[in-house]
Each structure stands twice: as structure tokens, then as C-alpha cells.
Protein backbone atom coordinates (compact mmCIF):
# COMPACT_ATOMS: atom_id res chain seq x y z
CA UNK A 1 73.19 123.23 -44.65
CA UNK A 2 71.61 119.87 -45.45
CA UNK A 3 69.02 119.63 -48.21
CA UNK A 4 65.59 118.33 -47.14
CA UNK A 5 64.73 116.18 -50.16
CA UNK A 6 61.21 115.24 -49.07
CA UNK A 7 59.94 118.78 -48.45
CA UNK A 8 61.10 120.23 -51.77
CA UNK A 9 58.58 119.93 -54.65
CA UNK A 10 59.25 118.42 -58.07
CA UNK A 11 58.52 120.58 -61.12
CA UNK A 12 57.17 118.39 -63.94
CA UNK A 13 58.43 119.01 -67.49
CA UNK A 14 58.08 117.12 -70.78
CA UNK A 15 59.87 113.79 -70.20
CA UNK A 16 61.66 114.91 -67.04
CA UNK A 17 61.26 116.72 -63.75
CA UNK A 18 63.41 119.05 -61.66
CA UNK A 19 63.87 119.82 -57.99
CA UNK A 20 65.84 122.88 -56.84
CA UNK A 21 68.36 121.91 -54.17
CA UNK A 22 70.29 125.07 -53.25
CA UNK A 23 70.39 128.65 -54.44
CA UNK A 24 74.01 129.80 -54.52
CA UNK A 25 73.46 133.31 -55.86
CA UNK A 26 70.81 135.21 -57.80
CA UNK A 27 72.07 133.63 -61.04
CA UNK A 28 73.44 130.28 -59.78
CA UNK A 29 71.79 127.23 -58.24
CA UNK A 30 71.91 123.46 -57.93
CA UNK A 31 69.06 121.19 -58.97
CA UNK A 32 68.29 117.52 -59.41
CA UNK A 33 67.00 116.50 -62.83
CA UNK A 34 65.29 113.14 -63.23
CA UNK A 35 64.75 111.96 -66.79
CA UNK A 36 61.97 109.41 -67.00
CA UNK A 37 62.54 105.90 -68.43
CA UNK A 38 62.29 105.77 -72.23
CA UNK A 39 62.18 109.59 -72.38
CA UNK A 40 64.40 112.31 -73.75
CA UNK A 41 65.30 115.94 -73.28
CA UNK A 42 65.31 117.43 -76.77
CA UNK A 43 68.20 119.36 -78.27
CA UNK A 44 68.61 122.85 -76.85
CA UNK A 45 71.21 125.34 -75.73
CA UNK A 46 71.50 128.25 -73.32
CA UNK A 47 72.57 131.68 -74.53
CA UNK A 48 74.56 132.61 -71.41
CA UNK A 49 74.23 129.79 -68.89
CA UNK A 50 76.92 127.25 -68.02
CA UNK A 51 75.91 123.86 -66.60
CA UNK A 52 77.86 121.09 -64.90
CA UNK A 53 76.18 117.67 -64.90
CA UNK A 54 77.02 114.97 -62.33
CA UNK A 55 75.34 111.63 -63.05
CA UNK A 56 73.95 110.42 -59.72
CA UNK A 57 72.25 107.25 -60.99
CA UNK A 58 71.31 105.53 -64.23
CA UNK A 59 72.63 105.34 -67.78
CA UNK A 60 71.73 107.32 -70.90
CA UNK A 61 73.06 108.90 -74.09
CA UNK A 62 74.12 112.48 -73.42
CA UNK A 63 74.96 114.76 -76.31
CA UNK A 64 77.21 117.81 -75.99
CA UNK A 65 77.95 119.72 -79.18
CA UNK A 66 79.20 117.26 -81.80
CA UNK A 67 79.85 114.49 -79.25
CA UNK A 68 77.56 111.84 -77.80
CA UNK A 69 78.52 110.02 -74.60
CA UNK A 70 77.35 106.87 -72.82
CA UNK A 71 76.72 108.69 -69.54
CA UNK A 72 76.63 106.63 -66.35
CA UNK A 73 76.81 106.98 -62.59
CA UNK A 74 79.82 109.03 -61.49
CA UNK A 75 80.40 110.83 -64.80
CA UNK A 76 80.77 114.62 -64.85
CA UNK A 77 80.15 116.83 -67.90
CA UNK A 78 80.63 120.54 -68.65
CA UNK A 79 78.17 122.36 -70.92
CA UNK A 80 79.20 125.91 -71.85
CA UNK A 81 76.92 128.64 -73.22
CA UNK A 82 75.62 128.07 -76.78
CA UNK A 83 76.62 124.36 -76.69
CA UNK A 84 73.75 122.25 -78.02
CA UNK A 85 72.95 119.39 -75.64
CA UNK A 86 70.35 116.65 -75.18
CA UNK A 87 69.70 113.40 -73.30
CA UNK A 88 68.08 110.14 -74.41
CA UNK A 89 67.22 107.71 -71.63
CA UNK A 90 66.53 104.43 -73.39
CA UNK A 91 66.56 102.40 -70.18
CA UNK A 92 63.76 101.16 -67.93
CA UNK A 93 65.05 103.30 -65.03
CA UNK A 94 65.18 107.05 -64.41
CA UNK A 95 68.41 108.94 -65.01
CA UNK A 96 69.25 111.19 -62.06
CA UNK A 97 71.54 114.17 -62.63
CA UNK A 98 72.80 116.77 -60.18
CA UNK A 99 73.02 119.99 -62.22
CA UNK A 100 75.02 123.06 -61.21
CA UNK A 101 73.74 126.12 -63.09
CA UNK A 102 75.90 129.25 -63.38
CA UNK A 103 74.92 132.59 -64.91
CA UNK A 104 71.28 131.49 -65.13
CA UNK A 105 68.88 133.90 -66.88
CA UNK A 106 65.11 133.71 -67.42
CA UNK A 107 64.21 132.68 -71.02
CA UNK A 108 67.81 131.71 -71.76
CA UNK A 109 66.96 128.34 -73.37
CA UNK A 110 66.62 127.84 -77.14
CA UNK A 111 64.85 124.57 -78.06
CA UNK A 112 65.02 122.72 -81.41
């Protein structure tokens, strides 16, 4: 199955937007996250959800737990449940991330 990028809607959030690509199971899916230039996704964690981040395009600071990384195109990161994470896009270009979500639950996110 090929994803039809143009027909799928963006969901606008604070500083970023998301587009669901594929549903794998009731609790697992793939989405594209685009973090706007000079924007950030504030610190948060998920109680039960695991996420895998693949950086499709751009550069940003990506925090996972106690570590902060200079994330760039081609990097892959694992974020396990209860791991605090955040992104700061200080560049003039959007950061595009392909996110694989496993064990997703409604209201699973805790923001700081």
C-alpha cells in the first residue's frame, strides 16, 4: 500500500503538525510530524507508549531522558514509555520526523 500524501489532512498543534500515514493495529500507527521553524515541542512523556523517530529532513535538538542530541536527516531514536522527551527546532526550516507509535493509548501524554 502506498501512502497518498496529498489527500491526508494535517492536524495542527502548538508549534508542530501531524499527519497519520498508516494504521498498523488498534494501538499502533505511523505518522509524520513536522516541527515548524523556530518552534519547539515541550517536554513530555507517555505512560505506556513507545515511539521510534526517524529524521526525514532538517536539524534540531532532540532530548531523550537525560541526553540531548543534535538530530539530523537519517538519524533514528527510540523513546520508551515514561522517558521525558522534547524537540527544539532553532533553524529556519521545518524538521520532518517519521514517527512509529506502539501501544498508543488515548490521554497517554503527560506535559510539563
